[in-house]
Protein backbone atom coordinates (compact mmCIF):
# COMPACT_ATOMS: atom_id res chain seq x y z
CA MET A 1 48.85 125.24 150.07
CA ASP A 2 49.65 123.30 153.39
CA LYS A 3 47.94 119.58 154.65
CA ASP A 4 44.93 121.18 156.21
CA LYS A 5 44.12 122.80 153.06
CA LEU A 6 44.45 119.93 151.09
CA ILE A 7 42.08 117.97 152.46
CA ALA A 8 39.62 120.67 152.73
CA LEU A 9 39.82 120.86 149.27
CA LEU A 10 39.88 117.52 148.18
CA GLN A 11 36.43 116.94 150.46
CA ALA A 12 35.07 120.26 148.99
CA VAL A 13 35.45 118.35 145.56
CA ARG A 14 34.47 115.21 146.62
CA ASP A 15 31.18 116.76 148.77
CA GLY A 16 30.46 118.58 145.03
CA LYS A 17 31.09 122.14 146.20
CA GLU A 18 34.23 122.35 144.40
CA SER A 19 34.53 121.69 140.69
CA VAL A 20 37.56 119.64 139.76
CA GLN A 21 38.72 122.19 137.39
CA GLN A 22 38.43 124.48 140.38
CA ALA A 23 40.62 122.31 142.44
CA CYS A 24 42.88 122.00 139.14
CA ASP A 25 43.29 125.95 139.20
CA LYS A 26 44.09 125.90 143.01
CA LEU A 27 46.90 123.17 142.42
CA ALA A 28 48.08 124.63 139.60
CA ASN A 29 51.42 125.96 141.18
CA PHE A 30 51.51 123.04 143.37
CA PRO A 31 54.24 121.44 144.22
CA SER A 32 56.62 124.16 143.48
CA GLU A 33 56.16 128.14 142.07
CA HIS A 34 58.54 130.18 139.95
CA LEU A 35 59.08 133.32 140.44
CA GLY A 36 62.76 133.99 138.17
CA PHE A 37 64.51 134.45 141.33
CA ALA A 38 63.64 131.76 143.11
CA THR A 39 61.40 128.39 143.11
CA LEU A 40 59.17 128.01 146.13
CA ASP A 41 58.65 124.75 147.62
CA THR A 42 54.61 125.07 148.04
CA HIS A 43 54.78 121.42 148.95
CA ARG A 44 57.19 121.46 151.78
CA SER A 45 54.73 122.15 154.43
CA VAL A 46 52.55 118.97 153.37
CA ARG A 47 55.33 117.07 153.45
CA THR A 48 56.52 118.11 157.00
CA GLY A 49 54.23 120.42 158.63
CA PHE A 50 55.77 123.51 158.07
CA PRO A 51 56.30 125.75 154.98
CA GLU A 52 59.52 126.72 153.47
CA VAL A 53 61.65 129.22 155.49
CA ILE A 54 63.58 132.27 154.17
CA PHE A 55 67.09 132.80 154.63
CA CYS A 56 67.28 136.40 154.13
CA PRO A 57 71.14 137.18 153.74
CA GLY A 58 71.86 137.99 149.76
CA LYS A 59 68.72 138.67 149.11
CA THR A 60 67.41 142.12 147.83
CA PRO A 61 64.30 143.51 149.98
CA ARG A 62 62.26 143.32 146.95
CA GLN A 63 63.23 139.75 146.68
CA VAL A 64 62.64 138.49 150.30
CA ALA A 65 58.76 140.72 149.88
CA GLU A 66 57.80 138.79 146.79
CA ILE A 67 58.62 135.28 148.37
CA PHE A 68 56.91 136.23 152.10
CA ALA A 69 54.07 137.73 150.07
CA ARG A 70 53.54 134.35 147.67
CA LEU A 71 54.17 132.29 151.00
CA ALA A 72 51.81 134.01 153.02
CA ALA A 73 49.02 133.73 150.26
CA ARG A 74 49.46 129.86 150.62
CA HIS A 75 49.94 129.07 154.07
CA GLY A 76 49.14 131.58 156.73
CA ARG A 77 52.44 131.54 158.80
CA VAL A 78 55.70 132.32 157.47
CA LEU A 79 59.35 132.74 158.66
CA ALA A 80 62.16 134.84 157.51
CA THR A 81 65.33 134.65 159.72
CA ARG A 82 68.60 136.87 159.32
CA ALA A 83 66.54 140.05 158.07
CA THR A 84 67.10 143.19 158.19
CA HIS A 85 64.84 146.13 159.10
CA GLU A 86 65.06 147.22 155.36
CA GLN A 87 63.71 143.87 154.45
CA TYR A 88 61.10 144.14 157.16
CA LEU A 89 60.12 147.48 155.76
CA ALA A 90 59.48 146.04 151.88
CA VAL A 91 57.71 143.01 153.45
CA ARG A 92 55.28 145.02 155.29
CA SER A 93 54.34 147.12 152.19
CA ARG A 94 53.20 143.58 150.10
CA THR A 95 51.52 141.57 153.47
CA ALA A 96 49.41 142.89 156.10
CA GLY A 97 49.77 141.60 159.53
CA ALA A 98 53.38 140.96 159.58
CA SER A 99 55.81 141.42 162.43
CA TRP A 100 58.83 142.36 163.22
CA ASN A 101 61.45 141.08 166.12
CA GLU A 102 64.25 143.13 165.95
CA VAL A 103 66.31 141.10 168.67
CA ALA A 104 65.77 137.81 166.69
CA ARG A 105 66.22 139.56 163.27
CA ALA A 106 63.05 137.72 162.23
CA ILE A 107 60.18 138.68 159.88
CA TYR A 108 57.38 136.31 161.11
CA LEU A 109 53.19 136.27 160.18
CA ARG A 110 51.50 134.20 162.77
CA PRO A 111 47.52 132.98 162.50
CA HIS A 112 46.86 133.14 165.75
CA SER A 113 48.51 133.27 169.58
CA PRO A 114 50.81 130.51 170.71
CA ASP A 115 48.70 130.78 174.63
CA SER A 116 46.22 128.01 172.90
CA ASP A 117 49.16 125.83 171.78
CA PRO A 118 50.90 122.53 173.63
CA PRO A 119 53.26 124.05 176.41
CA GLY A 120 56.55 122.20 176.85
CA VAL A 121 59.76 123.93 175.08
CA LEU A 122 62.01 125.65 177.04
CA VAL A 123 64.80 128.20 175.78
CA ALA A 124 67.54 128.92 178.10
CA THR A 125 70.55 131.37 177.49
CA GLY A 126 73.94 131.03 179.01
CA GLY A 127 74.33 135.27 179.07
CA THR A 128 72.41 137.97 178.03
CA SER A 129 74.45 138.32 175.10
CA ASP A 130 73.10 134.83 174.03
CA ILE A 131 69.81 136.13 173.71
CA PRO A 132 69.49 136.90 169.67
CA VAL A 133 70.31 133.59 168.69
CA ALA A 134 67.94 132.21 171.41
CA GLU A 135 65.13 133.94 170.22
CA GLU A 136 65.28 133.23 166.90
CA ALA A 137 64.83 129.53 168.19
CA VAL A 138 61.89 130.72 170.44
CA ILE A 139 59.82 132.71 167.07
CA THR A 140 60.67 129.60 165.49
CA ALA A 141 59.27 126.94 167.83
CA GLU A 142 56.16 129.22 168.60
CA LEU A 143 55.35 129.52 164.58
CA MET A 144 55.70 125.66 164.11
CA GLY A 145 52.76 125.56 167.12
CA ASN A 146 54.05 125.56 170.54
CA ARG A 147 54.24 127.28 173.54
CA VAL A 148 57.50 128.68 174.84
CA GLU A 149 59.03 129.65 178.25
CA ARG A 150 62.12 131.56 178.54
CA LEU A 151 65.01 131.21 180.70
CA PHE A 152 67.41 133.66 179.94
CA ASP A 153 71.06 134.88 181.70
CA VAL A 154 71.49 131.70 183.89
CA GLY A 155 74.95 130.67 182.82
CA VAL A 156 77.65 128.66 185.24
CA ALA A 157 79.52 131.58 186.20
CA GLY A 158 76.10 132.00 188.34
CA LEU A 159 75.08 128.37 188.81
CA HIS A 160 72.69 129.17 191.40
CA ARG A 161 70.45 130.97 189.10
CA LEU A 162 69.97 127.95 187.27
CA LEU A 163 68.98 125.96 189.97
CA MET A 164 66.97 128.32 191.27
CA LYS A 165 64.63 127.54 188.29
CA SER A 166 64.19 123.81 189.09
CA GLU A 167 60.75 123.41 188.29
CA ALA A 168 61.04 125.24 184.66
CA LEU A 169 63.51 122.65 183.56
CA GLN A 170 61.67 119.62 185.14
CA ARG A 171 57.99 120.69 183.37
CA ALA A 172 59.85 121.03 179.73
CA ARG A 173 59.65 118.57 177.54
CA VAL A 174 62.48 119.46 175.46
CA ILE A 175 65.55 122.45 176.29
CA VAL A 176 67.05 124.42 173.98
CA VAL A 177 70.28 125.76 175.60
CA VAL A 178 72.61 128.25 173.71
CA ALA A 179 75.45 129.56 175.02
CA GLY A 180 78.66 130.86 174.11
CA MET A 181 82.23 131.34 175.67
CA GLU A 182 83.05 127.69 176.89
CA GLY A 183 79.42 126.31 176.03
CA ALA A 184 79.22 124.28 179.45
CA LEU A 185 75.51 125.14 180.05
CA ALA A 186 74.54 122.57 177.64
CA SER A 187 75.77 119.49 179.70
CA VAL A 188 74.94 121.08 183.43
CA VAL A 189 71.41 121.33 181.95
CA GLY A 190 71.77 117.77 180.29
CA GLY A 191 73.07 116.27 183.50
CA LEU A 192 69.96 118.05 185.55
CA VAL A 193 66.74 116.64 183.19
CA SER A 194 65.26 113.56 181.61
CA VAL A 195 64.01 115.23 178.46
CA PRO A 196 66.05 116.08 174.81
CA VAL A 197 68.46 119.39 175.41
CA ILE A 198 69.53 120.65 172.17
CA ALA A 199 73.03 123.02 172.13
CA VAL A 200 73.09 126.07 170.31
CA PRO A 201 77.06 127.29 170.31
CA THR A 202 77.15 131.20 169.77
CA SER A 203 80.19 133.13 168.84
CA VAL A 204 79.78 134.87 171.64
CA GLY A 205 83.35 135.28 173.29
CA TYR A 206 86.78 136.31 173.11
CA GLY A 207 89.72 135.41 170.75
CA ALA A 208 90.31 131.98 171.98
CA GLY A 209 86.58 131.17 171.38
CA PHE A 210 87.49 131.43 167.48
CA ASP A 211 83.89 132.59 166.73
CA GLY A 212 81.58 129.86 168.58
CA ILE A 213 84.43 126.98 167.58
CA ALA A 214 85.21 126.34 171.50
CA PRO A 215 82.03 126.18 172.72
CA LEU A 216 80.75 123.89 169.65
CA LEU A 217 83.79 121.72 170.10
CA ALA A 218 82.57 121.54 173.98
CA MET A 219 79.16 120.67 173.63
CA LEU A 220 80.12 117.98 170.69
CA ASN A 221 82.12 116.46 173.90
CA SER A 222 79.67 116.80 176.30
CA CYS A 223 79.76 113.75 179.16
CA ALA A 224 76.09 114.31 179.80
CA PRO A 225 73.89 112.13 177.64
CA GLY A 226 70.77 113.43 175.44
CA VAL A 227 72.82 116.15 174.56
CA SER A 228 72.34 117.36 170.63
CA VAL A 229 74.16 119.74 168.87
CA VAL A 230 73.45 122.14 165.82
CA ASN A 231 75.62 124.59 164.22
CA ILE A 232 77.30 127.77 165.75
CA ASP A 233 74.25 130.73 165.63
CA ASN A 234 71.74 128.41 164.55
CA GLY A 235 68.66 129.53 166.43
CA PHE A 236 66.67 128.48 164.01
CA GLY A 237 67.38 124.90 163.87
CA ALA A 238 67.41 124.39 167.51
CA GLY A 239 63.91 125.73 167.55
CA TYR A 240 62.76 123.52 164.74
CA ILE A 241 63.96 120.50 166.16
CA ALA A 242 62.47 120.97 169.51
CA GLY A 243 59.31 122.00 168.13
CA MET A 244 58.88 119.34 166.25
CA ILE A 245 60.05 117.23 169.48
CA ASN A 246 57.24 118.73 171.26
CA ARG A 247 54.52 118.57 168.94
CA ALA A 248 55.17 115.05 168.45
CA ILE A 249 54.66 114.46 172.35
CA ALA A 250 52.06 116.67 172.59
CA ALA A 251 50.21 114.62 169.55
CA GLU A 252 51.00 111.26 171.34
CA ALA A 253 49.11 112.80 174.43
CA GLU A 254 45.88 113.44 172.56
């Protein structure tokens, strides 16, 4: 049950198209649904605008499939992150239309193409090795109702590659920068644009990178204003924040 469905249900009761009892039946598992191994927050989309997201590690394929099917029946758009192909096959057997992004390790159900959604989110990476985390951000922002532009492999070792894409930087409303190694790309982008930059440190790099600690600290110490930082490899978190910012700007423009 999302906000639009709840409003439609209340209007149907008001107009006499649904009885009070029918409405009560539809709200029986609102705001939560108990599955034994999980308690679904079916009220989350009403509060935040986006349904509960499934974090797949530690869950069996059957559990992921059951949660995904229950959320799909209520919301029409579902996201499961850090999934395995085995978990995807279990989901597909229960939910028609579920898709699999192998690079992002994401299972998702999207009610419509993002082509009609407002543009404004740009996701950039330092290197090709950062793309899996970046794609997680892309999928998340798209499912939240945003059109996303990709700008991959434009790290500071070849800064001209980024500068050649200055038009893309300038038309963005919010930018996600995904980088490992020394994580310098976020500061560079932050110094070139007047919009929020969400930095995502990745665990890409050699020994002294400490699995993402080095870029995390570099991004936290950025001297460029307007740069915020999420956790290591947290493409989902960055995509979610970017999606919220862009939707808010689009709503204000309307």
